[in-house]
Structure formats: structure tokens, C-alpha cells
Amino acid sequence: MFKSVFAASAALFASAGAALAGPYVNVETNAGWVGDDYTAATTDLHVGFEGEAGAASYYIQAGPAIVAVDGEETDTQFSGKAGVGVPVTDALGVYGELSFLTAEDDDDFGVGGKLGAKFNF
């Protein structure tokens, strides 16, 4: 499934007459706690591309993800994300992101989404 999400995102951006900026590296760690109890962290080591398509900006990135769950062995999976941002007015922009993380068991394949708005004052 993640291949089709990744391919669809790439096709969308390529077909829009997009301006493509050079590649970049994005290293990001997301960690979680319940109260003061650490539960897990995932560190993404992504290579990506970003650019513009008309007024919209976009990015697409992927690479290894180091998954460290408390009390378990560290595991390496594959993750990626693609996003787009569109200005609505000078003070308002909207954005969205799709992400994925593989797992050893196909039933545990993770997909996420994000939608938001940013207001400038």
C-alpha cells in the first residue's frame, strides 16, 4: 500500500508542472511518554525533495526509520511522508500530509494523515 501512496504523490506533483528544488536530508525523532514513563521513539533518516507547483509548495521524503520501543530490541523499518501547503489568503494557509511506516507484520502497517491551517497575524 505504501508504494501506491508514494507513487500517487510523486505522480501528482510531477504532473502539475512543478518546480523541483534539490534533494535534502531530514533527520527527525518522535518520542512518546505516558506520564513520566518513556514508551518509544522513532527516528526517521529521510532523503527528500521539495518544490512548488503554482502557488502550492510540496515535499516528498522517505528512508529508514529506527524504532526503539522501551524494553524491546531496536528495529529498523522504512518510512516516508508527502505533504502539500496552499496559501488561501496572505494571512491563511492550509496544509496536509500523508505518512507511512512499515512493520514486520503486514497487518501492522501504519498510515497517518495530518490536516491543518496556519493563521499569520
Protein backbone atom coordinates (compact mmCIF):
# COMPACT_ATOMS: atom_id res chain seq x y z
CA MET A 1 0.00 0.00 0.00
CA PHE A 2 2.75 2.49 0.89
CA LYS A 3 4.19 2.09 -2.60
CA SER A 4 0.89 3.21 -4.14
CA VAL A 5 0.61 6.23 -1.78
CA PHE A 6 4.21 7.19 -2.55
CA ALA A 7 3.77 6.72 -6.31
CA ALA A 8 0.47 8.62 -6.40
CA SER A 9 2.01 11.55 -4.55
CA ALA A 10 5.01 11.62 -6.89
CA ALA A 11 2.76 11.45 -9.97
CA LEU A 12 0.56 14.27 -8.66
CA PHE A 13 3.50 16.58 -8.16
CA ALA A 14 5.18 15.65 -11.44
CA SER A 15 2.02 16.22 -13.46
CA ALA A 16 1.42 19.70 -12.02
CA GLY A 17 4.29 21.37 -13.91
CA ALA A 18 6.13 21.65 -10.61
CA ALA A 19 9.39 23.40 -9.91
CA LEU A 20 11.64 20.93 -8.12
CA ALA A 21 14.27 22.01 -5.64
CA GLY A 22 17.32 19.87 -4.91
CA PRO A 23 17.35 16.96 -2.53
CA TYR A 24 17.58 17.40 1.24
CA VAL A 25 18.15 15.22 4.30
CA ASN A 26 15.67 15.31 7.19
CA VAL A 27 16.51 13.59 10.48
CA GLU A 28 13.61 13.61 12.93
CA THR A 29 12.87 11.80 16.19
CA ASN A 30 9.37 11.41 17.58
CA ALA A 31 9.24 10.06 21.14
CA GLY A 32 6.38 9.27 23.47
CA TRP A 33 5.74 9.15 27.20
CA VAL A 34 2.78 8.24 29.36
CA GLY A 35 3.16 10.41 32.42
CA ASP A 36 6.87 10.13 33.19
CA ASP A 37 7.15 6.65 31.61
CA TYR A 38 9.03 6.60 28.27
CA THR A 39 7.27 4.28 25.80
CA ALA A 40 9.00 4.54 22.40
CA ALA A 41 10.82 6.66 19.85
CA THR A 42 11.06 6.51 16.08
CA THR A 43 13.95 8.25 14.32
CA ASP A 44 13.46 8.91 10.59
CA LEU A 45 16.52 9.26 8.36
CA HIS A 46 14.89 10.62 5.22
CA VAL A 47 16.07 11.90 1.86
CA GLY A 48 13.54 14.13 0.18
CA PHE A 49 12.66 16.64 -2.49
CA GLU A 50 10.61 19.81 -2.21
CA GLY A 51 9.31 22.31 -4.68
CA GLU A 52 6.44 24.43 -5.88
CA ALA A 53 3.50 23.77 -8.18
CA GLY A 54 1.79 27.05 -8.92
CA ALA A 55 1.11 28.72 -5.56
CA ALA A 56 1.36 25.41 -3.67
CA SER A 57 4.51 24.05 -2.03
CA TYR A 58 5.15 20.33 -1.59
CA TYR A 59 7.63 17.79 -0.30
CA ILE A 60 8.13 14.05 -0.53
CA GLN A 61 10.66 12.11 1.55
CA ALA A 62 11.46 8.57 2.63
CA GLY A 63 14.14 6.40 4.20
CA PRO A 64 14.95 4.12 7.11
CA ALA A 65 13.16 4.52 10.42
CA ILE A 66 14.81 3.32 13.64
CA VAL A 67 12.09 2.17 16.04
CA ALA A 68 13.07 1.94 19.72
CA VAL A 69 10.27 0.59 21.93
CA ASP A 70 11.00 0.60 25.66
CA GLY A 71 12.10 -2.85 26.80
CA GLU A 72 12.42 -4.28 23.27
CA GLU A 73 15.20 -4.60 20.71
CA THR A 74 15.64 -1.68 18.34
CA ASP A 75 14.17 -2.37 14.90
CA THR A 76 14.70 -0.69 11.52
CA GLN A 77 11.72 -0.18 9.22
CA PHE A 78 11.00 2.05 6.21
CA SER A 79 9.01 5.28 6.45
CA GLY A 80 8.06 8.23 4.34
CA LYS A 81 5.80 11.22 4.04
CA ALA A 82 4.45 13.60 1.44
CA GLY A 83 2.82 16.93 2.06
CA VAL A 84 1.41 20.00 0.39
CA GLY A 85 0.73 23.55 1.54
CA VAL A 86 -1.52 26.06 -0.20
CA PRO A 87 -1.95 29.74 0.59
CA VAL A 88 -5.62 30.74 0.81
CA THR A 89 -5.01 34.41 1.61
CA ASP A 90 -1.99 36.46 2.70
CA ALA A 91 -2.83 35.53 6.31
CA LEU A 92 -4.16 31.97 5.91
CA GLY A 93 -2.59 28.79 4.56
CA VAL A 94 -3.78 25.19 4.65
CA TYR A 95 -1.63 22.07 4.59
CA GLY A 96 -1.86 18.30 4.56
CA GLU A 97 0.49 15.35 4.97
CA LEU A 98 0.31 11.58 4.41
CA SER A 99 2.85 9.34 6.13
CA PHE A 100 3.61 5.64 6.43
CA LEU A 101 5.73 3.25 8.50
CA THR A 102 6.29 -0.38 7.56
CA ALA A 103 6.24 -3.21 10.09
CA GLU A 104 7.42 -6.81 10.12
CA ASP A 105 3.80 -7.96 10.19
CA ASP A 106 1.82 -6.62 7.20
CA ASP A 107 -1.23 -6.22 9.47
CA ASP A 108 0.69 -3.60 11.50
CA PHE A 109 1.49 -1.32 8.53
CA GLY A 110 0.98 2.24 9.77
CA VAL A 111 -0.51 5.10 7.78
CA GLY A 112 -1.10 8.60 9.12
CA GLY A 113 -2.58 11.84 7.97
CA LYS A 114 -2.41 15.45 9.02
CA LEU A 115 -4.55 18.44 8.01
CA GLY A 116 -4.13 21.93 9.32
CA ALA A 117 -4.44 25.65 8.89
CA LYS A 118 -1.90 28.33 9.74
CA PHE A 119 -3.00 31.88 10.54
CA ASN A 120 -0.47 34.74 10.37
CA PHE A 121 -1.09 37.97 12.31
